[in-house]
Amino acid sequence: MCRALKVLCAASGRDRMVELKKATVSTNWELVGGASSLAELVEQVESWRPDVVVIDEPLGAEAIQAVRSARERVRIVTVGAPVEDADENASSLEEIRAAVLGLPKPGGPIR
């Protein structure tokens, strides 16, 4: 039986959540939930059991620890400045989809 990859987004405010979800949505996976606090994040990780959690950098290391406590093997992608213990970092909204898939970032000139 096949199932879609489940991706959960977490941001510190409603407007940023909308931006994050728009940048994350893809036909390749199912976008589930959306948390705007640590309590919501833990609750949704436990109920949705996502494969990937995209966390906006202002939520930081505390959010990563909370997610890892609730679901140890989930892949965590941070957006913004790199945060320790994340599996991948997207420095901008445009890089989120590639980070979810674990694709390498674009490099320099081809030689």
Foldseek 3Di string as FASTA:
>chain_A
DDDFAEEEEEAQDDVVQVLLCVLADDPRGHYDDYYNDLVRLLVCCQVVVGQEYEYECVVAPVSVVSNCVNPVRHAYEYEDDDGPPHNYYHNHSNCNNCVVVPHDDDDDDDD
